[in-house]
Amino acid sequence: MSATSADPDWIHAPPARFDLVASYFPERLQEAEPGLKLRPGLVLAVLRGKTSGRYACRIAYGTKQLKLPRRQHLDLIIQDAADVALLGLARPTRFDLDHTAVLPWTATFFGCWSGFATPVIGTLTEPYVREFAYLMMKRGSVQPPDGI
């Protein structure tokens, strides 16, 4: 399926890794249906179809439920007020690195927040990119319990 004249211009300019985007993240990942409201997401990877040329993004779900005691060593959490504003977020946000999905870069799964011309609302700063790398390194070194 190719882009149509009804598609927004941003369809042709995908986000980059570590961009923050407004997405209709699916309520249930098994159904692959867009969610009901725009939520922040962290772009973990940008993919492009070999034959179609269409883009898709692996997105980590963003939530206002910080769950600091349980998730602070597992997820990327942005809670500093200056960083929240700098990154285009409306409130402190936790990006759940266990809750990811590959979403097609289309107006069905992405949209623009008020005041933004594209779904991209910000880009992680270098300290957050380093924190993400550290979290992923820690996650890679943890062995799952037997039987999983």
N, C-alpha and C. Protein backbone atom coordinates (compact mmCIF):
# COMPACT_ATOMS: atom_id res chain seq x y z
N MET A 1 0.85 -1.18 0.00
CA MET A 1 0.00 0.00 0.00
C MET A 1 0.89 1.23 0.00
N SER A 2 0.73 2.10 -0.94
CA SER A 2 1.56 3.29 -1.04
C SER A 2 0.84 4.49 -0.42
N ALA A 3 1.62 5.55 -0.22
CA ALA A 3 1.06 6.77 0.35
C ALA A 3 0.09 7.40 -0.66
N THR A 4 -0.93 8.05 -0.14
CA THR A 4 -1.91 8.72 -0.99
C THR A 4 -1.82 10.22 -0.77
N SER A 5 -2.53 10.97 -1.61
CA SER A 5 -2.51 12.43 -1.46
C SER A 5 -3.19 12.87 -0.16
N ALA A 6 -4.00 11.99 0.43
CA ALA A 6 -4.65 12.30 1.70
C ALA A 6 -3.72 12.11 2.89
N ASP A 7 -2.59 11.43 2.68
CA ASP A 7 -1.63 11.21 3.76
C ASP A 7 -0.94 12.52 4.14
N PRO A 8 -0.65 12.71 5.41
CA PRO A 8 0.08 13.92 5.81
C PRO A 8 1.52 13.88 5.28
N ASP A 9 2.12 15.03 5.11
CA ASP A 9 3.48 15.11 4.58
C ASP A 9 4.50 14.38 5.45
N TRP A 10 4.29 14.35 6.76
CA TRP A 10 5.28 13.75 7.64
C TRP A 10 5.45 12.25 7.40
N ILE A 11 4.53 11.61 6.70
CA ILE A 11 4.63 10.18 6.40
C ILE A 11 5.95 9.87 5.68
N HIS A 12 6.43 10.82 4.88
CA HIS A 12 7.63 10.61 4.07
C HIS A 12 8.92 10.91 4.83
N ALA A 13 8.82 11.36 6.06
CA ALA A 13 10.00 11.69 6.88
C ALA A 13 9.87 10.96 8.22
N PRO A 14 10.36 9.72 8.28
CA PRO A 14 10.20 8.96 9.52
C PRO A 14 11.03 9.54 10.66
N PRO A 15 10.69 9.20 11.89
CA PRO A 15 11.48 9.67 13.02
C PRO A 15 12.83 8.94 13.04
N ALA A 16 13.67 9.34 13.96
CA ALA A 16 14.96 8.68 14.16
C ALA A 16 14.93 7.93 15.48
N ARG A 17 15.88 7.01 15.63
CA ARG A 17 16.02 6.32 16.90
C ARG A 17 16.20 7.37 18.00
N PHE A 18 15.55 7.15 19.11
CA PHE A 18 15.57 8.01 20.31
C PHE A 18 14.70 9.25 20.17
N ASP A 19 13.91 9.35 19.11
CA ASP A 19 12.91 10.41 19.05
C ASP A 19 11.75 10.03 19.95
N LEU A 20 11.07 11.03 20.49
CA LEU A 20 9.83 10.83 21.22
C LEU A 20 8.71 11.20 20.26
N VAL A 21 7.69 10.36 20.18
CA VAL A 21 6.62 10.55 19.22
C VAL A 21 5.26 10.42 19.90
N ALA A 22 4.25 10.98 19.26
CA ALA A 22 2.86 10.82 19.70
C ALA A 22 2.27 9.67 18.89
N SER A 23 1.87 8.61 19.59
CA SER A 23 1.38 7.42 18.90
C SER A 23 0.06 6.92 19.49
N TYR A 24 -0.69 6.26 18.64
CA TYR A 24 -1.89 5.56 19.09
C TYR A 24 -1.47 4.14 19.43
N PHE A 25 -0.71 4.02 20.51
CA PHE A 25 -0.16 2.72 20.91
C PHE A 25 -1.32 1.76 21.19
N PRO A 26 -1.26 0.55 20.63
CA PRO A 26 -2.38 -0.40 20.79
C PRO A 26 -2.70 -0.70 22.25
N GLU A 27 -3.99 -0.78 22.55
CA GLU A 27 -4.43 -1.16 23.90
C GLU A 27 -4.06 -2.62 24.18
N ARG A 28 -4.20 -3.45 23.16
CA ARG A 28 -3.84 -4.88 23.25
C ARG A 28 -2.91 -5.19 22.09
N LEU A 29 -1.70 -5.60 22.40
CA LEU A 29 -0.72 -5.82 21.35
C LEU A 29 -1.11 -6.95 20.41
N GLN A 30 -1.86 -7.92 20.89
CA GLN A 30 -2.24 -9.05 20.06
C GLN A 30 -3.17 -8.63 18.91
N GLU A 31 -3.91 -7.56 19.08
CA GLU A 31 -4.91 -7.15 18.09
C GLU A 31 -4.34 -6.22 17.02
N ALA A 32 -3.22 -5.59 17.27
CA ALA A 32 -2.59 -4.66 16.33
C ALA A 32 -3.54 -3.57 15.84
N GLU A 33 -4.45 -3.17 16.68
CA GLU A 33 -5.36 -2.06 16.39
C GLU A 33 -4.83 -0.82 17.10
N PRO A 34 -4.92 0.35 16.48
CA PRO A 34 -4.44 1.55 17.15
C PRO A 34 -5.24 1.84 18.43
N GLY A 35 -4.55 2.45 19.40
CA GLY A 35 -5.22 2.84 20.63
C GLY A 35 -6.18 3.99 20.39
N LEU A 36 -6.90 4.35 21.43
CA LEU A 36 -7.93 5.38 21.31
C LEU A 36 -7.40 6.79 21.45
N LYS A 37 -6.25 6.97 22.13
CA LYS A 37 -5.73 8.32 22.32
C LYS A 37 -4.23 8.35 22.08
N LEU A 38 -3.75 9.54 21.72
CA LEU A 38 -2.32 9.71 21.50
C LEU A 38 -1.57 9.62 22.82
N ARG A 39 -0.49 8.85 22.79
CA ARG A 39 0.37 8.69 23.95
C ARG A 39 1.82 8.89 23.52
N PRO A 40 2.67 9.29 24.44
CA PRO A 40 4.07 9.40 24.06
C PRO A 40 4.69 8.02 23.87
N GLY A 41 5.60 7.94 22.95
CA GLY A 41 6.34 6.71 22.71
C GLY A 41 7.79 7.04 22.43
N LEU A 42 8.67 6.11 22.73
CA LEU A 42 10.10 6.25 22.48
C LEU A 42 10.46 5.37 21.29
N VAL A 43 11.04 5.96 20.26
CA VAL A 43 11.43 5.19 19.08
C VAL A 43 12.72 4.42 19.40
N LEU A 44 12.62 3.09 19.36
CA LEU A 44 13.77 2.23 19.62
C LEU A 44 14.47 1.82 18.33
N ALA A 45 13.72 1.77 17.23
CA ALA A 45 14.28 1.40 15.93
C ALA A 45 13.35 1.90 14.84
N VAL A 46 13.93 2.22 13.69
CA VAL A 46 13.16 2.60 12.51
C VAL A 46 13.45 1.54 11.45
N LEU A 47 12.39 0.99 10.88
CA LEU A 47 12.49 -0.09 9.90
C LEU A 47 11.93 0.38 8.57
N ARG A 48 12.42 -0.22 7.48
CA ARG A 48 11.88 0.14 6.16
C ARG A 48 11.70 -1.14 5.36
N GLY A 49 10.52 -1.31 4.78
CA GLY A 49 10.23 -2.47 3.97
C GLY A 49 11.09 -2.50 2.71
N LYS A 50 11.68 -3.65 2.41
CA LYS A 50 12.56 -3.77 1.24
C LYS A 50 11.81 -3.54 -0.06
N THR A 51 10.63 -4.08 -0.17
CA THR A 51 9.88 -3.94 -1.43
C THR A 51 8.91 -2.77 -1.40
N SER A 52 8.27 -2.53 -0.26
CA SER A 52 7.27 -1.47 -0.20
C SER A 52 7.90 -0.09 0.01
N GLY A 53 9.05 -0.05 0.67
CA GLY A 53 9.66 1.23 0.99
C GLY A 53 8.99 1.95 2.14
N ARG A 54 7.96 1.34 2.71
CA ARG A 54 7.23 1.96 3.82
C ARG A 54 8.00 1.81 5.12
N TYR A 55 7.77 2.75 6.03
CA TYR A 55 8.46 2.77 7.31
C TYR A 55 7.59 2.20 8.42
N ALA A 56 8.28 1.68 9.42
CA ALA A 56 7.64 1.25 10.66
C ALA A 56 8.63 1.57 11.78
N CYS A 57 8.12 1.65 13.00
CA CYS A 57 8.96 2.00 14.14
C CYS A 57 8.68 1.04 15.29
N ARG A 58 9.76 0.59 15.95
CA ARG A 58 9.59 -0.12 17.22
C ARG A 58 9.50 0.95 18.29
N ILE A 59 8.38 0.96 19.01
CA ILE A 59 8.06 2.00 19.99
C ILE A 59 7.96 1.38 21.38
N ALA A 60 8.54 2.07 22.36
CA ALA A 60 8.34 1.72 23.77
C ALA A 60 7.20 2.59 24.29
N TYR A 61 6.27 1.97 24.95
CA TYR A 61 5.07 2.62 25.49
C TYR A 61 5.43 3.65 26.55
N GLY A 62 4.84 4.83 26.45
CA GLY A 62 5.02 5.87 27.47
C GLY A 62 3.79 5.98 28.33
N THR A 63 4.01 6.11 29.64
CA THR A 63 2.90 6.20 30.58
C THR A 63 3.22 7.20 31.69
N LYS A 64 2.17 7.79 32.25
CA LYS A 64 2.35 8.70 33.38
C LYS A 64 2.48 7.93 34.69
N GLN A 65 2.20 6.62 34.66
CA GLN A 65 2.35 5.78 35.85
C GLN A 65 3.83 5.45 36.04
N LEU A 66 4.53 6.21 36.87
CA LEU A 66 5.98 6.08 36.98
C LEU A 66 6.44 4.79 37.66
N LYS A 67 5.70 4.31 38.65
CA LYS A 67 6.04 3.07 39.36
C LYS A 67 7.52 3.04 39.77
N LEU A 68 7.96 4.13 40.37
CA LEU A 68 9.38 4.29 40.69
C LEU A 68 9.99 3.15 41.49
N PRO A 69 9.40 2.71 42.58
CA PRO A 69 10.08 1.65 43.34
C PRO A 69 10.31 0.37 42.54
N ARG A 70 9.36 0.00 41.69
CA ARG A 70 9.46 -1.27 40.96
C ARG A 70 10.18 -1.15 39.63
N ARG A 71 10.06 0.00 38.94
CA ARG A 71 10.52 0.08 37.55
C ARG A 71 11.70 1.02 37.30
N GLN A 72 12.19 1.72 38.34
CA GLN A 72 13.22 2.72 38.10
C GLN A 72 14.53 2.15 37.57
N HIS A 73 14.78 0.86 37.78
CA HIS A 73 16.01 0.24 37.27
C HIS A 73 15.76 -0.57 36.01
N LEU A 74 14.53 -0.53 35.50
CA LEU A 74 14.17 -1.30 34.31
C LEU A 74 13.75 -0.44 33.13
N ASP A 75 13.19 0.73 33.41
CA ASP A 75 12.61 1.57 32.37
C ASP A 75 13.25 2.95 32.36
N LEU A 76 13.12 3.63 31.24
CA LEU A 76 13.62 4.99 31.13
C LEU A 76 12.53 5.92 31.67
N ILE A 77 12.87 6.67 32.70
CA ILE A 77 11.91 7.56 33.35
C ILE A 77 12.40 8.99 33.25
N ILE A 78 11.54 9.84 32.73
CA ILE A 78 11.85 11.27 32.61
C ILE A 78 10.91 11.99 33.55
N GLN A 79 11.48 12.54 34.64
CA GLN A 79 10.64 13.18 35.64
C GLN A 79 11.10 14.58 36.02
N ASP A 80 12.32 14.96 35.66
CA ASP A 80 12.79 16.31 35.93
C ASP A 80 11.96 17.30 35.13
N ALA A 81 11.42 18.33 35.78
CA ALA A 81 10.50 19.27 35.13
C ALA A 81 11.12 19.92 33.89
N ALA A 82 12.39 20.32 33.98
CA ALA A 82 13.04 20.96 32.83
C ALA A 82 13.17 19.98 31.67
N ASP A 83 13.52 18.72 31.97
CA ASP A 83 13.66 17.71 30.92
C ASP A 83 12.30 17.36 30.30
N VAL A 84 11.27 17.29 31.13
CA VAL A 84 9.92 17.01 30.63
C VAL A 84 9.55 18.05 29.58
N ALA A 85 9.76 19.32 29.91
CA ALA A 85 9.43 20.40 28.98
C ALA A 85 10.32 20.38 27.74
N LEU A 86 11.62 20.19 27.94
CA LEU A 86 12.58 20.18 26.84
C LEU A 86 12.25 19.08 25.82
N LEU A 87 11.77 17.94 26.30
CA LEU A 87 11.52 16.79 25.43
C LEU A 87 10.11 16.77 24.85
N GLY A 88 9.32 17.82 25.12
CA GLY A 88 7.99 17.92 24.54
C GLY A 88 6.92 17.11 25.24
N LEU A 89 7.23 16.63 26.43
CA LEU A 89 6.26 15.82 27.18
C LEU A 89 5.33 16.72 27.99
N ALA A 90 4.14 16.25 28.24
CA ALA A 90 3.16 17.01 29.02
C ALA A 90 3.34 16.80 30.52
N ARG A 91 3.95 15.69 30.89
CA ARG A 91 4.11 15.34 32.31
C ARG A 91 5.24 14.33 32.44
N PRO A 92 5.70 14.07 33.66
CA PRO A 92 6.71 13.02 33.85
C PRO A 92 6.21 11.71 33.21
N THR A 93 7.12 11.02 32.57
CA THR A 93 6.75 9.85 31.77
C THR A 93 7.75 8.73 31.96
N ARG A 94 7.21 7.52 32.04
CA ARG A 94 8.04 6.29 32.08
C ARG A 94 7.87 5.58 30.75
N PHE A 95 8.99 5.27 30.11
CA PHE A 95 8.94 4.49 28.88
C PHE A 95 9.22 3.04 29.25
N ASP A 96 8.19 2.22 29.12
CA ASP A 96 8.21 0.82 29.54
C ASP A 96 8.96 0.00 28.48
N LEU A 97 10.17 -0.39 28.79
CA LEU A 97 11.02 -1.10 27.83
C LEU A 97 10.62 -2.57 27.67
N ASP A 98 9.66 -3.03 28.48
CA ASP A 98 9.09 -4.38 28.30
C ASP A 98 7.86 -4.34 27.41
N HIS A 99 7.29 -3.17 27.20
CA HIS A 99 6.02 -3.01 26.49
C HIS A 99 6.30 -2.26 25.19
N THR A 100 6.69 -3.00 24.16
CA THR A 100 7.04 -2.39 22.89
C THR A 100 6.20 -3.00 21.77
N ALA A 101 6.12 -2.27 20.66
CA ALA A 101 5.39 -2.77 19.49
C ALA A 101 5.99 -2.15 18.24
N VAL A 102 5.91 -2.89 17.14
CA VAL A 102 6.29 -2.34 15.84
C VAL A 102 5.02 -1.79 15.21
N LEU A 103 5.04 -0.47 14.95
CA LEU A 103 3.87 0.21 14.41
C LEU A 103 4.22 0.79 13.05
N PRO A 104 3.32 0.65 12.08
CA PRO A 104 3.56 1.29 10.79
C PRO A 104 3.55 2.80 10.94
N TRP A 105 4.45 3.47 10.24
CA TRP A 105 4.55 4.93 10.30
C TRP A 105 3.45 5.52 9.41
N THR A 106 2.22 5.51 9.96
CA THR A 106 1.06 5.99 9.24
C THR A 106 0.22 6.86 10.17
N ALA A 107 -0.71 7.59 9.59
CA ALA A 107 -1.61 8.44 10.37
C ALA A 107 -2.59 7.61 11.20
N THR A 108 -2.67 6.31 10.93
CA THR A 108 -3.51 5.43 11.74
C THR A 108 -2.88 5.19 13.11
N PHE A 109 -1.55 5.11 13.17
CA PHE A 109 -0.86 4.79 14.42
C PHE A 109 -0.09 5.97 15.02
N PHE A 110 0.02 7.07 14.30
CA PHE A 110 0.74 8.25 14.80
C PHE A 110 -0.07 9.49 14.48
N GLY A 111 0.08 10.51 15.31
CA GLY A 111 -0.64 11.75 15.09
C GLY A 111 0.14 12.91 15.68
N CYS A 112 -0.36 14.10 15.46
CA CYS A 112 0.31 15.31 15.92
C CYS A 112 -0.40 15.89 17.14
N TRP A 113 0.37 16.14 18.18
CA TRP A 113 -0.18 16.86 19.32
C TRP A 113 -0.34 18.32 18.94
N SER A 114 -1.22 18.99 19.62
CA SER A 114 -1.46 20.42 19.38
C SER A 114 -0.13 21.17 19.44
N GLY A 115 0.12 21.98 18.41
CA GLY A 115 1.34 22.77 18.37
C GLY A 115 2.50 22.09 17.66
N PHE A 116 2.31 20.85 17.20
CA PHE A 116 3.37 20.12 16.52
C PHE A 116 2.93 19.81 15.09
N ALA A 117 3.87 19.93 14.14
CA ALA A 117 3.56 19.68 12.73
C ALA A 117 3.76 18.22 12.35
N THR A 118 4.44 17.46 13.21
CA THR A 118 4.67 16.03 12.98
C THR A 118 4.45 15.29 14.29
N PRO A 119 4.41 13.97 14.26
CA PRO A 119 4.28 13.23 15.51
C PRO A 119 5.52 13.32 16.40
N VAL A 120 6.66 13.75 15.86
CA VAL A 120 7.88 13.86 16.66
C VAL A 120 7.74 15.05 17.60
N ILE A 121 7.85 14.77 18.91
CA ILE A 121 7.70 15.83 19.91
C ILE A 121 9.03 16.21 20.55
N GLY A 122 10.04 15.38 20.39
CA GLY A 122 11.34 15.66 20.97
C GLY A 122 12.31 14.54 20.67
N THR A 123 13.54 14.72 21.15
CA THR A 123 14.60 13.73 20.97
C THR A 123 15.34 13.60 22.29
N LEU A 124 15.64 12.38 22.68
CA LEU A 124 16.38 12.18 23.93
C LEU A 124 17.69 12.94 23.89
N THR A 125 18.03 13.54 25.00
CA THR A 125 19.33 14.21 25.14
C THR A 125 20.39 13.14 25.41
N GLU A 126 21.63 13.51 25.24
CA GLU A 126 22.75 12.56 25.41
C GLU A 126 22.72 11.84 26.77
N PRO A 127 22.46 12.54 27.88
CA PRO A 127 22.41 11.82 29.16
C PRO A 127 21.33 10.72 29.18
N TYR A 128 20.19 10.97 28.55
CA TYR A 128 19.14 9.95 28.52
C TYR A 128 19.50 8.81 27.56
N VAL A 129 20.20 9.11 26.49
CA VAL A 129 20.67 8.04 25.60
C VAL A 129 21.65 7.15 26.36
N ARG A 130 22.54 7.74 27.14
CA ARG A 130 23.49 6.95 27.95
C ARG A 130 22.74 6.12 29.00
N GLU A 131 21.73 6.72 29.63
CA GLU A 131 20.94 5.98 30.62
C GLU A 131 20.22 4.80 29.96
N PHE A 132 19.67 5.03 28.77
CA PHE A 132 19.02 3.95 28.02
C PHE A 132 20.02 2.83 27.74
N ALA A 133 21.22 3.19 27.28
CA ALA A 133 22.25 2.18 26.98
C ALA A 133 22.61 1.40 28.24
N TYR A 134 22.72 2.09 29.37
CA TYR A 134 23.04 1.44 30.63
C TYR A 134 21.91 0.47 31.03
N LEU A 135 20.67 0.91 30.91
CA LEU A 135 19.53 0.04 31.24
C LEU A 135 19.53 -1.21 30.36
N MET A 136 19.79 -1.03 29.08
CA MET A 136 19.78 -2.17 28.16
C MET A 136 20.95 -3.12 28.46
N MET A 137 22.09 -2.56 28.85
CA MET A 137 23.23 -3.40 29.22
C MET A 137 22.89 -4.23 30.46
N LYS A 138 22.28 -3.58 31.45
CA LYS A 138 21.88 -4.30 32.66
C LYS A 138 20.86 -5.37 32.34
N ARG A 139 19.92 -5.07 31.49
CA ARG A 139 18.89 -6.04 31.12
C ARG A 139 19.50 -7.25 30.39
N GLY A 140 20.52 -7.01 29.59
CA GLY A 140 21.17 -8.08 28.87
C GLY A 140 21.97 -9.01 29.75
N SER A 141 22.41 -8.49 30.90
CA SER A 141 23.23 -9.31 31.79
C SER A 141 22.40 -10.13 32.77
N VAL A 142 21.11 -9.82 32.85
CA VAL A 142 20.24 -10.54 33.78
C VAL A 142 19.73 -11.81 33.12
N GLN A 143 19.95 -12.93 33.76
CA GLN A 143 19.49 -14.20 33.23
C GLN A 143 18.07 -14.48 33.72
N PRO A 144 17.18 -14.97 32.84
CA PRO A 144 15.82 -15.28 33.29
C PRO A 144 15.81 -16.47 34.23
N PRO A 145 14.82 -16.54 35.11
CA PRO A 145 14.73 -17.69 36.01
C PRO A 145 14.58 -18.99 35.21
N ASP A 146 15.00 -20.08 35.81
CA ASP A 146 14.87 -21.40 35.15
C ASP A 146 13.42 -21.65 34.80
N GLY A 147 13.21 -22.28 33.65
CA GLY A 147 11.86 -22.65 33.24
C GLY A 147 11.14 -21.60 32.43
N ILE A 148 11.78 -20.47 32.18
CA ILE A 148 11.14 -19.43 31.39
C ILE A 148 11.74 -19.40 30.00
